[in-house]
Amino acid sequence: MAFGSATPPYELRFDAGRVCLDLLATTHPGERLDGVEALCAWIGGAGLVPAGTPLEHADGSWLADFRELRGHVGSLVRDMRGAQTPAYGRALGHVNETARTATPAPLAVRVADGGLVRELAAPPRCAALLAVVARDAVELLTDPVARAAVRECEGDNCPLVYVDTSRGRRRRWCSSEVCGNRERVARHRRRAALTRA
């Protein structure tokens, strides 16, 4: 960290197992997409664009569009049985319409050492990046195996969802290092309090 730079109050997380679920994780413990800079960091961290892709053309409308898609994906994921409510239908319609947009076109570009790196054919548009996330949500919602592996974290006050790919499908927390560690510390404190009593 450079001298004088602030430490962010949160870290962006990419451990839910799907891009669309990683987008949902940007709401906890508070709003993580709190500005265009945070959104661009999430776009890069989620792998929607190759490392180093300039995103200076992103603006506040991108932030609003990503938050809107996040809300619709959240509604669908949290009720995957397919509720027959108007809100569910609107969310499904929005995600489907967003998924129809063409995604960014990748190119293989030769670099100085002769290797190939991935670049985009043109600066990515917001709608194209949203389409990547929406398509991931469509794939998750329509794949019975993946859908059956979606779990909600058992951590206290943690609403995050993730794809459980653990052996035996016994994963309990969104992250063993975050919620799992909190649970282990709380359990240790309870045991220590009982022995003192």
C-alpha atoms as a PDB file:
ATOM      1  CA  MET A   1       0.000   0.000   0.000  1.00  0.00           C
ATOM      2  CA  ALA A   2       1.342   3.415  -0.945  1.00  0.00           C
ATOM      3  CA  PHE A   3       2.010   5.942   1.803  1.00  0.00           C
ATOM      4  CA  GLY A   4      -1.019   8.108   2.455  1.00  0.00           C
ATOM      5  CA  SER A   5      -3.495   5.850   0.655  1.00  0.00           C
ATOM      6  CA  ALA A   6      -6.624   4.845   2.494  1.00  0.00           C
ATOM      7  CA  THR A   7      -7.456   1.264   3.301  1.00  0.00           C
ATOM      8  CA  PRO A   8     -10.827   0.348   1.795  1.00  0.00           C
ATOM      9  CA  PRO A   9     -13.498  -0.406   4.398  1.00  0.00           C
ATOM     10  CA  TYR A  10     -14.185  -3.726   2.690  1.00  0.00           C
ATOM     11  CA  GLU A  11     -12.720  -6.214   0.292  1.00  0.00           C
ATOM     12  CA  LEU A  12     -14.418  -7.369  -2.859  1.00  0.00           C
ATOM     13  CA  ARG A  13     -15.059 -11.103  -2.760  1.00  0.00           C
ATOM     14  CA  PHE A  14     -14.963 -13.584  -5.610  1.00  0.00           C
ATOM     15  CA  ASP A  15     -15.509 -16.890  -3.807  1.00  0.00           C
ATOM     16  CA  ALA A  16     -19.171 -17.679  -4.482  1.00  0.00           C
ATOM     17  CA  GLY A  17     -18.404 -20.008  -7.372  1.00  0.00           C
ATOM     18  CA  ARG A  18     -20.298 -18.049 -10.043  1.00  0.00           C
ATOM     19  CA  VAL A  19     -19.928 -14.516 -11.401  1.00  0.00           C
ATOM     20  CA  CYS A  20     -23.613 -13.762 -10.827  1.00  0.00           C
ATOM     21  CA  LEU A  21     -23.317 -14.856  -7.182  1.00  0.00           C
ATOM     22  CA  ASP A  22     -20.142 -12.805  -6.759  1.00  0.00           C
ATOM     23  CA  LEU A  23     -22.198  -9.800  -7.871  1.00  0.00           C
ATOM     24  CA  LEU A  24     -24.749 -10.586  -5.135  1.00  0.00           C
ATOM     25  CA  ALA A  25     -21.895 -10.587  -2.602  1.00  0.00           C
ATOM     26  CA  THR A  26     -21.357  -6.874  -3.250  1.00  0.00           C
ATOM     27  CA  THR A  27     -24.267  -6.072  -0.914  1.00  0.00           C
ATOM     28  CA  HIS A  28     -22.749  -7.484   2.277  1.00  0.00           C
ATOM     29  CA  PRO A  29     -21.875  -6.326   4.869  1.00  0.00           C
ATOM     30  CA  GLY A  30     -22.853  -3.053   3.218  1.00  0.00           C
ATOM     31  CA  GLU A  31     -22.956  -1.629  -0.285  1.00  0.00           C
ATOM     32  CA  ARG A  32     -19.628  -2.531  -1.840  1.00  0.00           C
ATOM     33  CA  LEU A  33     -20.399  -1.008  -5.236  1.00  0.00           C
ATOM     34  CA  ASP A  34     -20.396   2.458  -3.732  1.00  0.00           C
ATOM     35  CA  GLY A  35     -18.899   4.213  -6.733  1.00  0.00           C
ATOM     36  CA  VAL A  36     -17.692   3.762 -10.281  1.00  0.00           C
ATOM     37  CA  GLU A  37     -14.156   2.979  -9.089  1.00  0.00           C
ATOM     38  CA  ALA A  38     -15.437   0.101  -6.939  1.00  0.00           C
ATOM     39  CA  LEU A  39     -17.526  -1.181  -9.860  1.00  0.00           C
ATOM     40  CA  CYS A  40     -14.503  -1.132 -12.181  1.00  0.00           C
ATOM     41  CA  ALA A  41     -12.489  -3.029  -9.542  1.00  0.00           C
ATOM     42  CA  TRP A  42     -15.283  -5.608  -9.343  1.00  0.00           C
ATOM     43  CA  ILE A  43     -15.479  -5.928 -13.155  1.00  0.00           C
ATOM     44  CA  GLY A  44     -11.733  -6.605 -13.324  1.00  0.00           C
ATOM     45  CA  GLY A  45     -11.684  -8.897 -10.280  1.00  0.00           C
ATOM     46  CA  ALA A  46     -14.600 -10.940 -11.596  1.00  0.00           C
ATOM     47  CA  GLY A  47     -12.719 -11.515 -14.851  1.00  0.00           C
ATOM     48  CA  LEU A  48     -15.298  -9.803 -17.052  1.00  0.00           C
ATOM     49  CA  VAL A  49     -12.410  -8.051 -18.801  1.00  0.00           C
ATOM     50  CA  PRO A  50      -8.741  -9.010 -19.214  1.00  0.00           C
ATOM     51  CA  ALA A  51      -6.303  -7.485 -16.725  1.00  0.00           C
ATOM     52  CA  GLY A  52      -5.315  -3.977 -17.702  1.00  0.00           C
ATOM     53  CA  THR A  53      -8.429  -3.273 -19.799  1.00  0.00           C
ATOM     54  CA  PRO A  54      -9.130   0.460 -19.557  1.00  0.00           C
ATOM     55  CA  LEU A  55     -12.545   1.253 -18.115  1.00  0.00           C
ATOM     56  CA  GLU A  56     -12.307   5.037 -17.811  1.00  0.00           C
ATOM     57  CA  HIS A  57     -15.431   5.365 -19.970  1.00  0.00           C
ATOM     58  CA  ALA A  58     -17.511   3.800 -17.167  1.00  0.00           C
ATOM     59  CA  ASP A  59     -19.851   6.229 -15.449  1.00  0.00           C
ATOM     60  CA  GLY A  60     -22.663   6.405 -12.915  1.00  0.00           C
ATOM     61  CA  SER A  61     -25.144   4.818 -15.321  1.00  0.00           C
ATOM     62  CA  TRP A  62     -23.019   1.658 -15.263  1.00  0.00           C
ATOM     63  CA  LEU A  63     -23.283   1.584 -11.492  1.00  0.00           C
ATOM     64  CA  ALA A  64     -27.077   1.912 -11.620  1.00  0.00           C
ATOM     65  CA  ASP A  65     -27.349  -0.800 -14.290  1.00  0.00           C
ATOM     66  CA  PHE A  66     -25.166  -3.280 -12.394  1.00  0.00           C
ATOM     67  CA  ARG A  67     -27.087  -2.664  -9.174  1.00  0.00           C
ATOM     68  CA  GLU A  68     -30.385  -3.172 -11.007  1.00  0.00           C
ATOM     69  CA  LEU A  69     -29.222  -6.470 -12.512  1.00  0.00           C
ATOM     70  CA  ARG A  70     -27.912  -7.515  -9.095  1.00  0.00           C
ATOM     71  CA  GLY A  71     -31.367  -6.985  -7.594  1.00  0.00           C
ATOM     72  CA  HIS A  72     -33.068  -9.057 -10.281  1.00  0.00           C
ATOM     73  CA  VAL A  73     -30.525 -11.880 -10.072  1.00  0.00           C
ATOM     74  CA  GLY A  74     -30.899 -11.878  -6.275  1.00  0.00           C
ATOM     75  CA  SER A  75     -34.680 -12.246  -6.567  1.00  0.00           C
ATOM     76  CA  LEU A  76     -34.316 -15.207  -8.916  1.00  0.00           C
ATOM     77  CA  VAL A  77     -31.566 -16.991  -6.998  1.00  0.00           C
ATOM     78  CA  ARG A  78     -33.285 -16.665  -3.635  1.00  0.00           C
ATOM     79  CA  ASP A  79     -36.491 -18.201  -5.022  1.00  0.00           C
ATOM     80  CA  MET A  80     -35.294 -20.767  -7.561  1.00  0.00           C
ATOM     81  CA  ARG A  81     -38.486 -22.763  -7.358  1.00  0.00           C
ATOM     82  CA  GLY A  82     -39.931 -20.274  -9.830  1.00  0.00           C
ATOM     83  CA  ALA A  83     -42.460 -18.254  -7.903  1.00  0.00           C
ATOM     84  CA  GLN A  84     -45.427 -17.203  -9.964  1.00  0.00           C
ATOM     85  CA  THR A  85     -45.397 -13.605  -8.730  1.00  0.00           C
ATOM     86  CA  PRO A  86     -45.298 -10.545 -10.984  1.00  0.00           C
ATOM     87  CA  ALA A  87     -42.000  -9.466  -9.360  1.00  0.00           C
ATOM     88  CA  TYR A  88     -40.400 -12.824 -10.190  1.00  0.00           C
ATOM     89  CA  GLY A  89     -41.654 -12.526 -13.771  1.00  0.00           C
ATOM     90  CA  ARG A  90     -40.214  -9.004 -14.095  1.00  0.00           C
ATOM     91  CA  ALA A  91     -36.860 -10.147 -12.704  1.00  0.00           C
ATOM     92  CA  LEU A  92     -36.768 -13.104 -15.081  1.00  0.00           C
ATOM     93  CA  GLY A  93     -37.692 -10.910 -18.026  1.00  0.00           C
ATOM     94  CA  HIS A  94     -34.966  -8.386 -17.175  1.00  0.00           C
ATOM     95  CA  VAL A  95     -32.271 -11.054 -16.823  1.00  0.00           C
ATOM     96  CA  ASN A  96     -33.336 -12.757 -20.066  1.00  0.00           C
ATOM     97  CA  GLU A  97     -33.377  -9.479 -21.982  1.00  0.00           C
ATOM     98  CA  THR A  98     -29.980  -8.491 -20.608  1.00  0.00           C
ATOM     99  CA  ALA A  99     -28.530 -11.890 -21.567  1.00  0.00           C
ATOM    100  CA  ARG A 100     -29.527 -11.341 -25.228  1.00  0.00           C
ATOM    101  CA  THR A 101     -26.928  -8.592 -25.724  1.00  0.00           C
ATOM    102  CA  ALA A 102     -23.648  -9.528 -27.403  1.00  0.00           C
ATOM    103  CA  THR A 103     -20.788 -10.007 -24.944  1.00  0.00           C
ATOM    104  CA  PRO A 104     -17.331  -8.404 -25.419  1.00  0.00           C
ATOM    105  CA  ALA A 105     -15.346  -9.990 -28.251  1.00  0.00           C
ATOM    106  CA  PRO A 106     -11.989 -11.390 -27.102  1.00  0.00           C
ATOM    107  CA  LEU A 107      -8.877 -11.467 -29.251  1.00  0.00           C
ATOM    108  CA  ALA A 108      -5.620 -13.390 -28.865  1.00  0.00           C
ATOM    109  CA  VAL A 109      -2.808 -10.835 -29.214  1.00  0.00           C
ATOM    110  CA  ARG A 110       0.871 -11.704 -29.591  1.00  0.00           C
ATOM    111  CA  VAL A 111       3.161 -10.008 -27.073  1.00  0.00           C
ATOM    112  CA  ALA A 112       6.894  -9.231 -27.266  1.00  0.00           C
ATOM    113  CA  ASP A 113       8.023 -12.636 -25.918  1.00  0.00           C
ATOM    114  CA  GLY A 114       5.943 -14.441 -28.558  1.00  0.00           C
ATOM    115  CA  GLY A 115       3.214 -15.554 -26.185  1.00  0.00           C
ATOM    116  CA  LEU A 116      -0.453 -14.747 -26.528  1.00  0.00           C
ATOM    117  CA  VAL A 117      -2.606 -12.659 -24.231  1.00  0.00           C
ATOM    118  CA  ARG A 118      -6.313 -11.960 -24.261  1.00  0.00           C
ATOM    119  CA  GLU A 119      -7.541  -8.479 -25.124  1.00  0.00           C
ATOM    120  CA  LEU A 120     -10.922  -7.143 -26.134  1.00  0.00           C
ATOM    121  CA  ALA A 121     -11.604  -6.132 -29.728  1.00  0.00           C
ATOM    122  CA  ALA A 122     -13.074  -2.819 -28.550  1.00  0.00           C
ATOM    123  CA  PRO A 123     -13.609  -0.998 -25.265  1.00  0.00           C
ATOM    124  CA  PRO A 124     -16.349  -2.907 -23.439  1.00  0.00           C
ATOM    125  CA  ARG A 125     -19.799  -1.415 -23.281  1.00  0.00           C
ATOM    126  CA  CYS A 126     -21.807  -1.659 -20.094  1.00  0.00           C
ATOM    127  CA  ALA A 127     -24.566  -3.686 -21.774  1.00  0.00           C
ATOM    128  CA  ALA A 128     -22.007  -6.244 -23.008  1.00  0.00           C
ATOM    129  CA  LEU A 129     -20.551  -6.710 -19.524  1.00  0.00           C
ATOM    130  CA  LEU A 130     -24.013  -6.994 -18.002  1.00  0.00           C
ATOM    131  CA  ALA A 131     -24.774  -9.688 -20.582  1.00  0.00           C
ATOM    132  CA  VAL A 132     -21.870 -11.792 -19.278  1.00  0.00           C
ATOM    133  CA  VAL A 133     -23.336 -11.702 -15.761  1.00  0.00           C
ATOM    134  CA  ALA A 134     -26.905 -12.282 -16.968  1.00  0.00           C
ATOM    135  CA  ARG A 135     -25.847 -15.296 -19.064  1.00  0.00           C
ATOM    136  CA  ASP A 136     -24.096 -16.752 -16.047  1.00  0.00           C
ATOM    137  CA  ALA A 137     -27.333 -16.337 -14.069  1.00  0.00           C
ATOM    138  CA  VAL A 138     -29.344 -18.008 -16.851  1.00  0.00           C
ATOM    139  CA  GLU A 139     -26.901 -20.938 -16.896  1.00  0.00           C
ATOM    140  CA  LEU A 140     -27.100 -21.293 -13.107  1.00  0.00           C
ATOM    141  CA  LEU A 141     -30.896 -21.107 -13.006  1.00  0.00           C
ATOM    142  CA  THR A 142     -31.389 -23.617 -15.803  1.00  0.00           C
ATOM    143  CA  ASP A 143     -28.762 -26.186 -14.749  1.00  0.00           C
ATOM    144  CA  PRO A 144     -30.411 -28.553 -12.233  1.00  0.00           C
ATOM    145  CA  VAL A 145     -27.064 -29.793 -10.862  1.00  0.00           C
ATOM    146  CA  ALA A 146     -25.615 -26.312 -10.313  1.00  0.00           C
ATOM    147  CA  ARG A 147     -28.921 -25.006  -8.985  1.00  0.00           C
ATOM    148  CA  ALA A 148     -29.099 -27.844  -6.440  1.00  0.00           C
ATOM    149  CA  ALA A 149     -25.619 -26.903  -5.179  1.00  0.00           C
ATOM    150  CA  VAL A 150     -26.579 -23.303  -4.336  1.00  0.00           C
ATOM    151  CA  ARG A 151     -26.465 -22.730  -0.583  1.00  0.00           C
ATOM    152  CA  GLU A 152     -27.052 -19.795   1.744  1.00  0.00           C
ATOM    153  CA  CYS A 153     -24.296 -19.122   4.269  1.00  0.00           C
ATOM    154  CA  GLU A 154     -25.016 -20.382   7.789  1.00  0.00           C
ATOM    155  CA  GLY A 155     -22.977 -17.564   9.332  1.00  0.00           C
ATOM    156  CA  ASP A 156     -24.716 -15.164  11.702  1.00  0.00           C
ATOM    157  CA  ASN A 157     -26.351 -12.362   9.738  1.00  0.00           C
ATOM    158  CA  CYS A 158     -24.724 -13.436   6.478  1.00  0.00           C
ATOM    159  CA  PRO A 159     -27.114 -13.503   3.516  1.00  0.00           C
ATOM    160  CA  LEU A 160     -24.526 -14.566   0.924  1.00  0.00           C
ATOM    161  CA  VAL A 161     -25.164 -17.473  -1.410  1.00  0.00           C
ATOM    162  CA  TYR A 162     -22.569 -19.694  -3.043  1.00  0.00           C
ATOM    163  CA  VAL A 163     -22.204 -22.869  -5.093  1.00  0.00           C
ATOM    164  CA  ASP A 164     -21.166 -25.744  -2.835  1.00  0.00           C
ATOM    165  CA  THR A 165     -18.578 -27.743  -4.749  1.00  0.00           C
ATOM    166  CA  SER A 166     -17.090 -29.346  -1.639  1.00  0.00           C
ATOM    167  CA  ARG A 167     -16.708 -33.079  -1.340  1.00  0.00           C
ATOM    168  CA  GLY A 168     -19.894 -34.438   0.184  1.00  0.00           C
ATOM    169  CA  ARG A 169     -21.660 -31.086  -0.297  1.00  0.00           C
ATOM    170  CA  ARG A 170     -21.077 -30.171   3.357  1.00  0.00           C
ATOM    171  CA  ARG A 171     -19.839 -26.597   3.034  1.00  0.00           C
ATOM    172  CA  ARG A 172     -21.638 -24.419   5.592  1.00  0.00           C
ATOM    173  CA  TRP A 173     -20.224 -20.940   5.061  1.00  0.00           C
ATOM    174  CA  CYS A 174     -19.699 -18.540   2.193  1.00  0.00           C
ATOM    175  CA  SER A 175     -16.052 -18.500   3.251  1.00  0.00           C
ATOM    176  CA  SER A 176     -14.236 -20.614   5.794  1.00  0.00           C
ATOM    177  CA  GLU A 177     -11.871 -17.691   6.383  1.00  0.00           C
ATOM    178  CA  VAL A 178     -14.663 -15.172   7.020  1.00  0.00           C
ATOM    179  CA  CYS A 179     -17.879 -16.671   8.418  1.00  0.00           C
ATOM    180  CA  GLY A 180     -16.314 -20.025   9.284  1.00  0.00           C
ATOM    181  CA  ASN A 181     -13.595 -18.336  11.315  1.00  0.00           C
ATOM    182  CA  ARG A 182     -16.172 -16.175  13.118  1.00  0.00           C
ATOM    183  CA  GLU A 183     -18.146 -19.302  14.032  1.00  0.00           C
ATOM    184  CA  ARG A 184     -15.038 -21.106  15.313  1.00  0.00           C
ATOM    185  CA  VAL A 185     -14.037 -18.088  17.435  1.00  0.00           C
ATOM    186  CA  ALA A 186     -17.578 -17.783  18.850  1.00  0.00           C
ATOM    187  CA  ARG A 187     -17.635 -21.505  19.673  1.00  0.00           C
ATOM    188  CA  HIS A 188     -14.260 -21.223  21.425  1.00  0.00           C
ATOM    189  CA  ARG A 189     -15.491 -18.256  23.476  1.00  0.00           C
ATOM    190  CA  ARG A 190     -18.636 -20.145  24.498  1.00  0.00           C
ATOM    191  CA  ARG A 191     -16.566 -23.120  25.642  1.00  0.00           C
ATOM    192  CA  ALA A 192     -14.151 -20.861  27.520  1.00  0.00           C
ATOM    193  CA  ALA A 193     -17.069 -19.103  29.241  1.00  0.00           C
ATOM    194  CA  LEU A 194     -18.550 -22.468  30.289  1.00  0.00           C
ATOM    195  CA  THR A 195     -15.271 -23.633  31.834  1.00  0.00           C
ATOM    196  CA  ARG A 196     -14.935 -20.362  33.753  1.00  0.00           C
ATOM    197  CA  ALA A 197     -18.506 -20.646  35.057  1.00  0.00           C
END
